[in-house]
Amino acid sequence: MSSQVFRKTESGKAEIARRQAGLSPATRTVLIMVNGSDSVNALAARGLPQLQGHLETLLAQGLIEPVVARAPPVAAPSPPAVAQPPLAASAPTSVPAQAATAGPGLDVLRRQAVAYLGHHFGPDTPLVAQALLAAPTVAEFNAALDGIESKLAIYLGRKQAARELQALRPAI
């Protein structure tokens, strides 16, 4: 269950607002921290004691549910080729295919990046990582990481921020 990801159900969201299920403070804290993107390992890294028991309680009460990994979308067939003007033929062809399109590997890197950045930016992580999450190519993903690196450099320093994010950068 360590790599499992949970999200709040509608009942779980209502419980946060109404406090009717009689949850212990620790279990309620776990409910609040479940966000649909952090794995059990990421939650455990925050130092929550007896996390497994709290998650089982929340599951039994129907306040959280496992997130089911979605299959990558199937690409629509490309339209028939149309004759290109001569200038289009001179476009650079040295760009690797991986840089042109996002693959399942980029989705994994997005999840890892958001989980990692959560330690630095806390609840503001989705806002800070907006460009990263929307990046359709590896090149744009790396450009988004450059922007995040500049934000991290404010309090970590330029060199440390670069080291912190180096593992999240895919090769182009």
Protein backbone atom coordinates (compact mmCIF):
# COMPACT_ATOMS: atom_id res chain seq x y z
CA MET A 1 0.00 0.00 0.00
CA SER A 2 3.06 2.26 0.22
CA SER A 3 2.76 3.55 -3.35
CA GLN A 4 -1.04 3.71 -3.20
CA VAL A 5 -2.67 7.12 -3.61
CA PHE A 6 -5.97 8.05 -1.97
CA ARG A 7 -8.46 10.86 -2.48
CA LYS A 8 -11.37 12.13 -0.41
CA THR A 9 -14.84 10.93 -1.31
CA GLU A 10 -17.77 13.33 -1.27
CA SER A 11 -18.49 12.02 2.24
CA GLY A 12 -14.90 12.77 3.21
CA LYS A 13 -15.16 16.34 1.94
CA ALA A 14 -18.42 16.77 3.86
CA GLU A 15 -16.80 15.35 7.01
CA ILE A 16 -14.09 17.99 6.90
CA ALA A 17 -16.75 20.69 6.83
CA ARG A 18 -19.24 19.18 9.32
CA ARG A 19 -17.17 17.02 11.73
CA GLN A 20 -19.98 14.50 12.22
CA ALA A 21 -18.14 11.16 12.05
CA GLY A 22 -16.44 11.56 15.44
CA LEU A 23 -12.92 11.08 14.08
CA SER A 24 -9.95 11.32 16.38
CA PRO A 25 -7.78 14.41 15.82
CA ALA A 26 -5.02 12.29 14.27
CA THR A 27 -7.43 10.51 11.90
CA ARG A 28 -8.98 13.85 10.93
CA THR A 29 -5.48 15.19 10.18
CA VAL A 30 -4.85 12.24 7.87
CA LEU A 31 -8.19 12.89 6.14
CA ILE A 32 -7.24 16.51 5.56
CA MET A 33 -3.80 15.53 4.21
CA VAL A 34 -5.18 12.99 1.71
CA ASN A 35 -5.19 14.93 -1.56
CA GLY A 36 -5.41 12.51 -4.46
CA SER A 37 -1.79 12.99 -5.53
CA ASP A 38 0.46 12.08 -2.57
CA SER A 39 1.26 8.40 -2.06
CA VAL A 40 1.13 6.69 1.30
CA ASN A 41 4.94 6.98 1.38
CA ALA A 42 4.71 10.75 0.90
CA LEU A 43 2.17 11.01 3.72
CA ALA A 44 4.33 8.83 5.96
CA ALA A 45 7.31 11.09 5.22
CA ARG A 46 5.42 13.88 6.95
CA GLY A 47 5.84 12.02 10.23
CA LEU A 48 2.30 10.85 10.87
CA PRO A 49 2.31 8.06 13.49
CA GLN A 50 0.15 4.99 12.83
CA LEU A 51 -0.72 6.22 9.34
CA GLN A 52 -1.79 2.77 8.15
CA GLY A 53 -4.41 2.45 10.90
CA HIS A 54 -5.83 5.90 10.18
CA LEU A 55 -6.07 5.15 6.47
CA GLU A 56 -7.85 1.86 7.17
CA THR A 57 -10.34 3.70 9.43
CA LEU A 58 -11.01 6.31 6.75
CA LEU A 59 -11.43 3.61 4.08
CA ALA A 60 -13.82 1.62 6.28
CA GLN A 61 -15.97 4.72 6.83
CA GLY A 62 -15.98 5.53 3.12
CA LEU A 63 -14.28 8.89 3.61
CA ILE A 64 -11.40 8.14 1.22
CA GLU A 65 -10.97 5.91 -1.81
CA PRO A 66 -7.99 4.68 -3.82
CA VAL A 67 -7.11 6.64 -6.93
CA VAL A 68 -7.23 4.38 -9.95
CA ALA A 69 -4.40 4.99 -12.38
CA ARG A 70 -5.80 5.94 -15.74
CA ALA A 71 -4.45 4.51 -18.95
CA PRO A 72 -2.80 7.07 -21.17
CA PRO A 73 -5.19 8.49 -23.76
CA VAL A 74 -5.14 6.83 -27.13
CA ALA A 75 -3.93 9.22 -29.79
CA ALA A 76 -6.36 10.03 -32.56
CA PRO A 77 -5.23 9.00 -36.02
CA SER A 78 -3.30 11.76 -37.71
CA PRO A 79 -4.86 13.45 -40.72
CA PRO A 80 -3.48 12.60 -44.15
CA ALA A 81 -0.25 14.34 -45.03
CA VAL A 82 -0.57 17.59 -46.94
CA ALA A 83 2.16 18.90 -49.22
CA GLN A 84 4.38 21.31 -47.29
CA PRO A 85 5.97 24.44 -48.73
CA PRO A 86 9.74 24.23 -49.24
CA LEU A 87 10.46 26.27 -46.08
CA ALA A 88 8.85 23.61 -43.89
CA ALA A 89 11.33 21.07 -45.20
CA SER A 90 14.20 23.09 -43.74
CA ALA A 91 12.90 22.72 -40.17
CA PRO A 92 15.44 21.11 -37.82
CA THR A 93 15.15 17.36 -37.79
CA SER A 94 17.66 16.75 -35.01
CA VAL A 95 15.06 17.08 -32.23
CA PRO A 96 14.52 13.64 -30.68
CA ALA A 97 11.03 12.18 -30.85
CA GLN A 98 10.87 12.17 -27.05
CA ALA A 99 11.24 15.96 -26.96
CA ALA A 100 8.35 16.41 -29.36
CA THR A 101 5.69 14.54 -27.41
CA ALA A 102 4.93 13.62 -23.86
CA GLY A 103 4.89 9.96 -22.99
CA PRO A 104 3.90 7.97 -19.95
CA GLY A 105 7.37 8.66 -18.54
CA LEU A 106 6.59 12.37 -18.42
CA ASP A 107 3.43 11.68 -16.40
CA VAL A 108 5.51 9.74 -13.87
CA LEU A 109 7.97 12.64 -13.67
CA ARG A 110 5.10 15.08 -13.13
CA ARG A 111 3.81 13.07 -10.17
CA GLN A 112 7.30 12.75 -8.70
CA ALA A 113 7.95 16.45 -9.15
CA VAL A 114 4.70 17.48 -7.46
CA ALA A 115 5.34 15.09 -4.56
CA TYR A 116 8.88 16.42 -4.16
CA LEU A 117 7.91 20.07 -4.52
CA GLY A 118 5.25 19.60 -1.85
CA HIS A 119 8.03 19.46 0.73
CA HIS A 120 9.17 22.92 -0.31
CA PHE A 121 5.95 24.70 -1.24
CA GLY A 122 3.31 22.89 0.85
CA PRO A 123 -0.29 23.69 -0.10
CA ASP A 124 0.90 26.16 -2.79
CA THR A 125 2.52 23.34 -4.79
CA PRO A 126 -0.30 23.02 -7.38
CA LEU A 127 -0.09 26.75 -8.04
CA VAL A 128 3.71 26.76 -8.31
CA ALA A 129 3.69 23.63 -10.52
CA GLN A 130 0.94 24.74 -12.92
CA ALA A 131 3.27 25.15 -15.92
CA LEU A 132 5.00 21.89 -15.06
CA LEU A 133 1.71 19.98 -14.98
CA ALA A 134 0.56 21.50 -18.27
CA ALA A 135 3.83 20.91 -20.13
CA PRO A 136 3.10 18.70 -23.16
CA THR A 137 6.76 18.09 -24.07
CA VAL A 138 9.98 17.27 -22.29
CA ALA A 139 11.46 20.62 -23.35
CA GLU A 140 8.53 22.55 -21.86
CA PHE A 141 8.69 20.38 -18.73
CA ASN A 142 12.35 21.34 -18.28
CA ALA A 143 11.52 25.01 -18.94
CA ALA A 144 8.84 24.85 -16.21
CA LEU A 145 11.43 23.31 -13.87
CA ASP A 146 13.72 26.27 -14.64
CA GLY A 147 11.00 28.63 -13.41
CA ILE A 148 10.47 26.58 -10.27
CA GLU A 149 14.23 26.43 -9.73
CA SER A 150 14.37 30.22 -9.69
CA LYS A 151 11.71 30.25 -6.95
CA LEU A 152 13.60 27.65 -4.92
CA ALA A 153 16.82 29.61 -5.37
CA ILE A 154 15.33 32.45 -3.34
CA TYR A 155 15.67 30.49 -0.13
CA LEU A 156 18.01 27.61 -1.04
CA GLY A 157 20.52 29.45 -3.19
CA ARG A 158 21.06 28.97 -6.91
CA LYS A 159 23.41 25.97 -6.72
CA GLN A 160 21.40 24.06 -4.13
CA ALA A 161 18.15 24.67 -6.04
CA ALA A 162 19.77 23.27 -9.20
CA ARG A 163 20.95 20.19 -7.28
CA GLU A 164 17.53 19.69 -5.72
CA LEU A 165 15.73 19.61 -9.08
CA GLN A 166 18.37 17.81 -11.17
CA ALA A 167 16.89 14.37 -10.49
CA LEU A 168 13.51 15.53 -11.81
CA ARG A 169 14.87 16.58 -15.21
CA PRO A 170 14.42 14.13 -18.07
CA ALA A 171 17.07 14.04 -20.78
CA ILE A 172 16.10 15.72 -24.03
